[in-house]
Amino acid sequence: MEIQPLGKVLVFLGLFLVVIGLLIILAPKIPYIGRLPGDIYIKRDNFTFYFPLASSILISIILTIILNILLLKK
């Protein structure tokens, strides 16, 4: 039984967690993300509802383009 594939998966997961952690730390410094037109923000007396619809779509498009470029195999 080979253990090398498990080691590769663990390294990949570790790198993935580092990237996610950096994104969480740096997210407040990215301008306009979370305040785009199309983001739903409702504030009442004791209630606040926020759904970043436009920001989610924009991030999804950007990640799709990046992943298609990186993972394009011919």
C-alpha atoms as a PDB file:
ATOM      1  CA  MET A   1       0.000   0.000   0.000  1.00  0.00           C
ATOM      2  CA  GLU A   2       1.427   3.342  -1.062  1.00  0.00           C
ATOM      3  CA  ILE A   3       1.132   6.330   1.204  1.00  0.00           C
ATOM      4  CA  GLN A   4       2.490   8.962  -1.207  1.00  0.00           C
ATOM      5  CA  PRO A   5      -0.930   9.913  -2.651  1.00  0.00           C
ATOM      6  CA  LEU A   6      -2.179  10.611   0.869  1.00  0.00           C
ATOM      7  CA  GLY A   7       0.804  12.889   1.468  1.00  0.00           C
ATOM      8  CA  LYS A   8       0.061  14.814  -1.726  1.00  0.00           C
ATOM      9  CA  VAL A   9      -3.570  15.261  -0.711  1.00  0.00           C
ATOM     10  CA  LEU A  10      -2.553  16.543   2.729  1.00  0.00           C
ATOM     11  CA  VAL A  11      -0.098  19.038   1.208  1.00  0.00           C
ATOM     12  CA  PHE A  12      -2.787  20.261  -1.195  1.00  0.00           C
ATOM     13  CA  LEU A  13      -5.325  20.645   1.617  1.00  0.00           C
ATOM     14  CA  GLY A  14      -2.774  22.552   3.700  1.00  0.00           C
ATOM     15  CA  LEU A  15      -2.033  24.951   0.860  1.00  0.00           C
ATOM     16  CA  PHE A  16      -5.748  25.375   0.247  1.00  0.00           C
ATOM     17  CA  LEU A  17      -6.323  26.289   3.908  1.00  0.00           C
ATOM     18  CA  VAL A  18      -3.459  28.806   3.793  1.00  0.00           C
ATOM     19  CA  VAL A  19      -4.944  30.484   0.715  1.00  0.00           C
ATOM     20  CA  ILE A  20      -8.414  30.614   2.300  1.00  0.00           C
ATOM     21  CA  GLY A  21      -6.923  32.067   5.492  1.00  0.00           C
ATOM     22  CA  LEU A  22      -5.094  34.773   3.552  1.00  0.00           C
ATOM     23  CA  LEU A  23      -8.272  35.639   1.657  1.00  0.00           C
ATOM     24  CA  ILE A  24     -10.171  36.006   4.915  1.00  0.00           C
ATOM     25  CA  ILE A  25      -7.454  38.273   6.334  1.00  0.00           C
ATOM     26  CA  LEU A  26      -7.180  40.412   3.199  1.00  0.00           C
ATOM     27  CA  ALA A  27     -10.887  40.505   2.250  1.00  0.00           C
ATOM     28  CA  PRO A  28     -11.712  43.770   4.076  1.00  0.00           C
ATOM     29  CA  LYS A  29      -8.949  45.529   2.121  1.00  0.00           C
ATOM     30  CA  ILE A  30     -10.417  44.662  -1.300  1.00  0.00           C
ATOM     31  CA  PRO A  31     -12.341  47.741  -2.494  1.00  0.00           C
ATOM     32  CA  TYR A  32     -16.029  47.518  -3.458  1.00  0.00           C
ATOM     33  CA  ILE A  33     -16.425  43.806  -2.756  1.00  0.00           C
ATOM     34  CA  GLY A  34     -19.534  43.550  -0.603  1.00  0.00           C
ATOM     35  CA  ARG A  35     -20.755  47.022  -1.552  1.00  0.00           C
ATOM     36  CA  LEU A  36     -21.615  46.577  -5.212  1.00  0.00           C
ATOM     37  CA  PRO A  37     -24.910  47.617  -6.758  1.00  0.00           C
ATOM     38  CA  GLY A  38     -26.998  44.480  -6.656  1.00  0.00           C
ATOM     39  CA  ASP A  39     -25.964  43.475  -3.142  1.00  0.00           C
ATOM     40  CA  ILE A  40     -29.095  43.215  -1.026  1.00  0.00           C
ATOM     41  CA  TYR A  41     -28.999  45.184   2.240  1.00  0.00           C
ATOM     42  CA  ILE A  42     -32.088  45.627   4.409  1.00  0.00           C
ATOM     43  CA  LYS A  43     -31.877  47.377   7.771  1.00  0.00           C
ATOM     44  CA  ARG A  44     -34.860  47.670  10.120  1.00  0.00           C
ATOM     45  CA  ASP A  45     -35.138  48.498  13.823  1.00  0.00           C
ATOM     46  CA  ASN A  46     -33.810  45.238  15.295  1.00  0.00           C
ATOM     47  CA  PHE A  47     -33.026  43.419  12.080  1.00  0.00           C
ATOM     48  CA  THR A  48     -30.311  43.600   9.457  1.00  0.00           C
ATOM     49  CA  PHE A  49     -30.245  41.366   6.387  1.00  0.00           C
ATOM     50  CA  TYR A  50     -27.319  41.394   3.989  1.00  0.00           C
ATOM     51  CA  PHE A  51     -26.891  39.196   0.930  1.00  0.00           C
ATOM     52  CA  PRO A  52     -23.948  40.028  -1.363  1.00  0.00           C
ATOM     53  CA  LEU A  53     -25.561  38.810  -4.590  1.00  0.00           C
ATOM     54  CA  ALA A  54     -23.556  40.903  -7.082  1.00  0.00           C
ATOM     55  CA  SER A  55     -20.306  40.347  -5.187  1.00  0.00           C
ATOM     56  CA  SER A  56     -20.887  36.576  -5.174  1.00  0.00           C
ATOM     57  CA  ILE A  57     -21.524  36.536  -8.919  1.00  0.00           C
ATOM     58  CA  LEU A  58     -18.408  38.632  -9.589  1.00  0.00           C
ATOM     59  CA  ILE A  59     -16.193  36.406  -7.430  1.00  0.00           C
ATOM     60  CA  SER A  60     -17.644  33.305  -9.100  1.00  0.00           C
ATOM     61  CA  ILE A  61     -16.857  34.653 -12.581  1.00  0.00           C
ATOM     62  CA  ILE A  62     -13.305  35.620 -11.592  1.00  0.00           C
ATOM     63  CA  LEU A  63     -12.609  32.236  -9.983  1.00  0.00           C
ATOM     64  CA  THR A  64     -14.067  30.404 -12.993  1.00  0.00           C
ATOM     65  CA  ILE A  65     -11.756  32.280 -15.356  1.00  0.00           C
ATOM     66  CA  ILE A  66      -8.697  31.723 -13.149  1.00  0.00           C
ATOM     67  CA  LEU A  67      -9.378  28.011 -12.663  1.00  0.00           C
ATOM     68  CA  ASN A  68     -10.043  27.487 -16.370  1.00  0.00           C
ATOM     69  CA  ILE A  69      -6.718  29.117 -17.200  1.00  0.00           C
ATOM     70  CA  LEU A  70      -4.798  27.155 -14.545  1.00  0.00           C
ATOM     71  CA  LEU A  71      -6.420  23.798 -15.150  1.00  0.00           C
ATOM     72  CA  LEU A  72      -6.620  23.965 -18.935  1.00  0.00           C
ATOM     73  CA  LYS A  73      -5.053  20.763 -20.199  1.00  0.00           C
ATOM     74  CA  LYS A  74      -4.465  20.072 -23.857  1.00  0.00           C
END
